[in-house]
Amino acid sequence: MVYTLTDPEKVRGLFGAWDDTMITSCLQGIMGTLLVTDPVHPRSVMAQLADFVFLAGEPCRELAENKPEGFHILVPQNQAWERTIEASFPGRCRRVTRYAIRKDTVFDTNHLLSLKNRLPAGCSLHRIDGTLYDKCLENAWSRDLVSVFPSAEAYARDGLGVVVLENGEIVSGASSYTRYREGIEIEVDTRPDCRRRSLATACSAALILECLDRGLYPSWDAQNLWSVGLAQKLGYTFSHEYAAYEVE
């Protein structure tokens, strides 16, 4: 049996020093779910939020195999969990490398302002409101900018984001993929035919400045080396590579 845990303090220690804001969101009760096989004395835990599943504590196939239906990214705490994931989803999981970015960046606001202002002619920056929340959901490439928040009202309360409009259409955006008490986890997306125009750079810089104005930390985790490069351009520092598994 797998149970939803209501007392996060029972599993906080199982994550150790694992510094990921989506785990923090789950432990703070802001977003996400904590699952265990023993609700009284848990020795293994799954933190599930949006497309991500984090597995910590003693490796447990029953817990791993209880991931939600559909595509998810499973992140193991260690190599023992890697072997458990591979055994749980033979032929269904693909090992990938992701890139952690340090979470102690001191930003150069003047540099960010200069990046924010490098928009091509005909493009403009806009804070995501209720109307733009709905527009983000209209296209597959932009859905993840807001989709973890169940409604425009929830996004207005806990989310924060900026999009680039060109001819009235969203062509790029940077937004809170998830939220934790002290900050946000950033999601950046650009319409495929509009890439390499500095749109992602401008809206990312604008979002970081918004976060700093509100006393929030803009956390960044990179799916690929392009994302690492953009993060470094904005002032972040690369930390380390880590393994994850994409499971259909």
Protein backbone atom coordinates (compact mmCIF):
# COMPACT_ATOMS: atom_id res chain seq x y z
CA MET A 1 0.00 0.00 0.00
CA VAL A 2 1.07 3.54 -0.75
CA TYR A 3 -0.17 6.41 1.42
CA THR A 4 -0.28 10.19 1.06
CA LEU A 5 1.68 11.66 3.94
CA THR A 6 0.15 14.56 5.83
CA ASP A 7 3.08 15.23 8.19
CA PRO A 8 6.15 16.20 6.13
CA GLU A 9 8.37 16.26 9.21
CA LYS A 10 8.32 12.45 9.19
CA VAL A 11 10.30 12.36 5.93
CA ARG A 12 12.28 15.60 5.95
CA GLY A 13 15.37 13.77 7.16
CA LEU A 14 15.14 11.18 4.35
CA PHE A 15 15.94 13.89 1.80
CA GLY A 16 19.10 14.85 3.68
CA ALA A 17 20.86 17.81 2.07
CA TRP A 18 19.04 17.39 -1.25
CA ASP A 19 18.59 21.01 -2.38
CA ASP A 20 15.71 21.10 -4.86
CA THR A 21 12.93 23.64 -4.67
CA MET A 22 10.24 21.19 -5.78
CA ILE A 23 11.08 18.97 -2.82
CA THR A 24 10.90 22.11 -0.69
CA SER A 25 7.45 22.89 -2.14
CA CYS A 26 6.22 19.44 -1.07
CA LEU A 27 7.79 19.66 2.40
CA GLN A 28 6.28 23.11 2.93
CA GLY A 29 2.84 21.95 1.81
CA ILE A 30 2.72 24.65 -0.87
CA MET A 31 2.37 22.31 -3.86
CA GLY A 32 2.84 18.62 -4.63
CA THR A 33 2.38 15.36 -2.75
CA LEU A 34 4.50 13.18 -0.45
CA LEU A 35 3.90 9.42 -0.77
CA VAL A 36 5.16 6.63 1.49
CA THR A 37 4.57 2.92 2.08
CA ASP A 38 4.67 3.27 5.87
CA PRO A 39 2.79 6.34 7.15
CA VAL A 40 3.94 5.83 10.74
CA HIS A 41 7.66 5.18 10.36
CA PRO A 42 8.49 5.88 6.70
CA ARG A 43 11.87 4.79 5.41
CA SER A 44 11.26 5.72 1.76
CA VAL A 45 9.51 8.71 0.22
CA MET A 46 8.30 9.96 -3.14
CA ALA A 47 7.86 13.70 -3.64
CA GLN A 48 5.65 14.27 -6.69
CA LEU A 49 5.03 17.66 -8.24
CA ALA A 50 3.95 18.37 -11.84
CA ASP A 51 6.06 16.17 -14.17
CA PHE A 52 8.72 15.46 -11.54
CA VAL A 53 9.08 12.60 -9.06
CA PHE A 54 11.87 12.61 -6.46
CA LEU A 55 12.75 9.33 -4.73
CA ALA A 56 14.63 9.29 -1.43
CA GLY A 57 15.39 7.09 1.55
CA GLU A 58 15.63 3.31 1.23
CA PRO A 59 15.05 2.15 -2.37
CA CYS A 60 11.55 0.72 -2.74
CA ARG A 61 10.12 -0.68 -5.98
CA GLU A 62 6.55 -0.50 -4.69
CA LEU A 63 6.93 3.24 -4.25
CA ALA A 64 8.68 3.83 -7.57
CA GLU A 65 6.08 1.82 -9.48
CA ASN A 66 3.33 3.93 -7.91
CA LYS A 67 4.27 7.00 -9.94
CA PRO A 68 1.28 8.78 -11.52
CA GLU A 69 0.10 7.74 -14.98
CA GLY A 70 1.68 9.37 -18.00
CA PHE A 71 5.06 10.92 -18.68
CA HIS A 72 7.18 11.82 -15.66
CA ILE A 73 10.79 12.62 -14.87
CA LEU A 74 12.02 10.45 -12.01
CA VAL A 75 14.98 11.82 -10.06
CA PRO A 76 16.85 9.30 -7.87
CA GLN A 77 18.62 10.28 -4.68
CA ASN A 78 21.50 7.89 -5.36
CA GLN A 79 22.70 4.98 -7.51
CA ALA A 80 20.67 2.46 -5.52
CA TRP A 81 17.52 4.35 -6.51
CA GLU A 82 18.77 4.45 -10.11
CA ARG A 83 18.89 0.64 -10.15
CA THR A 84 15.42 0.50 -8.60
CA ILE A 85 13.96 2.77 -11.28
CA GLU A 86 15.59 0.74 -14.07
CA ALA A 87 14.23 -2.50 -12.58
CA SER A 88 10.76 -1.00 -12.11
CA PHE A 89 10.36 0.28 -15.67
CA PRO A 90 12.30 -2.03 -18.02
CA GLY A 91 12.14 -0.73 -21.56
CA ARG A 92 10.07 2.27 -20.45
CA CYS A 93 12.67 4.58 -18.92
CA ARG A 94 15.39 6.65 -20.53
CA ARG A 95 18.34 7.84 -18.48
CA VAL A 96 19.14 11.52 -19.09
CA THR A 97 21.54 14.06 -17.69
CA ARG A 98 20.22 17.25 -16.14
CA TYR A 99 22.19 20.20 -14.83
CA ALA A 100 21.85 21.74 -11.37
CA ILE A 101 22.40 25.48 -11.02
CA ARG A 102 23.63 27.03 -7.77
CA LYS A 103 20.94 28.63 -5.62
CA ASP A 104 23.01 31.40 -4.05
CA THR A 105 23.33 33.79 -6.99
CA VAL A 106 23.84 37.48 -6.28
CA PHE A 107 22.45 39.13 -9.40
CA ASP A 108 23.76 42.19 -11.22
CA THR A 109 20.54 44.15 -11.70
CA ASN A 110 22.08 46.55 -14.19
CA HIS A 111 23.14 43.61 -16.35
CA LEU A 112 19.64 42.13 -16.11
CA LEU A 113 18.09 45.46 -17.10
CA SER A 114 20.29 45.60 -20.19
CA LEU A 115 19.22 42.06 -21.17
CA LYS A 116 15.56 42.89 -20.54
CA ASN A 117 15.77 45.82 -22.93
CA ARG A 118 17.21 43.83 -25.86
CA LEU A 119 13.86 42.98 -27.39
CA PRO A 120 13.50 43.06 -31.17
CA ALA A 121 11.35 45.78 -32.66
CA GLY A 122 7.66 44.93 -32.56
CA CYS A 123 7.97 42.85 -29.37
CA SER A 124 6.83 43.82 -25.89
CA LEU A 125 6.96 42.36 -22.36
CA HIS A 126 3.79 41.71 -20.35
CA ARG A 127 3.11 40.30 -16.90
CA ILE A 128 0.99 37.14 -17.08
CA ASP A 129 -2.56 38.02 -16.01
CA GLY A 130 -5.81 36.06 -16.30
CA THR A 131 -6.14 36.61 -20.04
CA LEU A 132 -2.53 35.66 -20.76
CA TYR A 133 -2.85 32.66 -18.43
CA ASP A 134 -5.60 31.36 -20.71
CA LYS A 135 -3.58 32.15 -23.84
CA CYS A 136 -0.59 30.20 -22.49
CA LEU A 137 -2.81 27.12 -22.23
CA GLU A 138 -3.86 27.35 -25.88
CA ASN A 139 -0.56 26.01 -27.28
CA ALA A 140 1.45 22.93 -26.32
CA TRP A 141 4.77 24.80 -26.33
CA SER A 142 3.57 27.41 -23.79
CA ARG A 143 1.36 25.30 -21.50
CA ASP A 144 4.07 24.57 -18.95
CA LEU A 145 4.43 28.27 -18.23
CA VAL A 146 1.22 28.11 -16.17
CA SER A 147 -0.27 24.60 -16.26
CA VAL A 148 0.85 23.46 -12.80
CA PHE A 149 -1.44 26.13 -11.35
CA PRO A 150 -5.02 24.82 -11.62
CA SER A 151 -6.69 28.17 -12.40
CA ALA A 152 -5.99 31.77 -13.30
CA GLU A 153 -6.93 32.67 -9.73
CA ALA A 154 -4.38 30.23 -8.31
CA TYR A 155 -1.74 31.62 -10.65
CA ALA A 156 -2.57 35.20 -9.65
CA ARG A 157 -2.20 34.22 -6.00
CA ASP A 158 0.97 32.12 -6.13
CA GLY A 159 2.46 32.42 -9.62
CA LEU A 160 4.56 35.03 -11.38
CA GLY A 161 5.53 35.28 -15.02
CA VAL A 162 6.36 37.42 -18.03
CA VAL A 163 5.65 36.81 -21.72
CA VAL A 164 6.77 38.45 -24.95
CA LEU A 165 3.97 39.49 -27.32
CA GLU A 166 4.45 40.02 -31.02
CA ASN A 167 1.45 40.97 -33.17
CA GLY A 168 -0.75 40.10 -30.21
CA GLU A 169 0.59 36.54 -29.93
CA ILE A 170 2.71 34.99 -27.19
CA VAL A 171 6.09 34.09 -28.67
CA SER A 172 8.15 33.50 -25.52
CA GLY A 173 7.75 33.39 -21.77
CA ALA A 174 9.42 32.92 -18.40
CA SER A 175 7.25 31.92 -15.49
CA SER A 176 6.98 30.10 -12.18
CA TYR A 177 6.81 26.41 -13.02
CA THR A 178 6.30 25.81 -9.31
CA ARG A 179 6.27 27.88 -6.13
CA TYR A 180 7.82 27.46 -2.71
CA ARG A 181 7.66 29.85 0.23
CA GLU A 182 10.89 31.68 -0.51
CA GLY A 183 10.79 31.74 -4.29
CA ILE A 184 9.91 30.09 -7.58
CA GLU A 185 11.30 27.46 -9.95
CA ILE A 186 11.63 29.07 -13.37
CA GLU A 187 10.18 27.66 -16.60
CA VAL A 188 11.30 29.23 -19.90
CA ASP A 189 9.72 28.47 -23.29
CA THR A 190 9.85 30.04 -26.75
CA ARG A 191 7.74 29.27 -29.79
CA PRO A 192 9.89 27.06 -32.04
CA ASP A 193 9.85 29.43 -35.00
CA CYS A 194 10.87 32.39 -32.82
CA ARG A 195 14.00 31.02 -31.17
CA ARG A 196 17.46 32.63 -31.35
CA ARG A 197 16.05 36.15 -31.17
CA SER A 198 16.99 36.89 -27.51
CA LEU A 199 13.32 36.60 -26.48
CA ALA A 200 13.96 34.02 -23.75
CA THR A 201 16.84 36.11 -22.43
CA ALA A 202 14.71 39.25 -22.19
CA CYS A 203 11.73 37.67 -20.47
CA SER A 204 13.95 35.65 -18.10
CA ALA A 205 15.78 38.82 -17.07
CA ALA A 206 12.45 40.57 -16.55
CA LEU A 207 11.14 37.73 -14.38
CA ILE A 208 14.29 37.61 -12.25
CA LEU A 209 14.01 41.36 -11.64
CA GLU A 210 10.34 40.91 -10.63
CA CYS A 211 11.38 38.19 -8.18
CA LEU A 212 14.09 40.37 -6.66
CA ASP A 213 11.61 43.22 -6.22
CA ARG A 214 9.32 40.85 -4.30
CA GLY A 215 12.04 39.26 -2.17
CA LEU A 216 11.70 35.90 -3.95
CA TYR A 217 14.57 33.71 -5.16
CA PRO A 218 14.35 32.74 -8.87
CA SER A 219 15.64 29.15 -8.84
CA TRP A 220 16.89 27.63 -12.12
CA ASP A 221 17.40 23.97 -13.05
CA ALA A 222 18.60 23.12 -16.56
CA GLN A 223 17.27 20.38 -18.82
CA ASN A 224 20.07 20.82 -21.36
CA LEU A 225 23.28 22.72 -22.09
CA TRP A 226 21.38 25.49 -23.89
CA SER A 227 19.54 26.17 -20.63
CA VAL A 228 22.85 26.14 -18.74
CA GLY A 229 24.23 28.73 -21.16
CA LEU A 230 21.19 30.97 -20.76
CA ALA A 231 21.41 30.69 -16.97
CA GLN A 232 25.08 31.71 -17.03
CA LYS A 233 24.27 34.64 -19.31
CA LEU A 234 21.79 35.82 -16.68
CA GLY A 235 24.37 35.53 -13.90
CA TYR A 236 23.82 32.04 -12.47
CA THR A 237 26.65 29.58 -11.75
CA PHE A 238 26.63 25.94 -12.81
CA SER A 239 26.76 23.45 -9.92
CA HIS A 240 26.76 19.81 -11.12
CA GLU A 241 25.26 17.19 -13.42
CA TYR A 242 22.76 14.67 -12.10
CA ALA A 243 20.91 11.64 -13.46
CA ALA A 244 17.19 11.50 -14.10
CA TYR A 245 14.86 9.05 -15.87
CA GLU A 246 12.16 9.96 -18.35
CA VAL A 247 9.38 7.38 -17.94
CA GLU A 248 6.44 7.09 -20.32
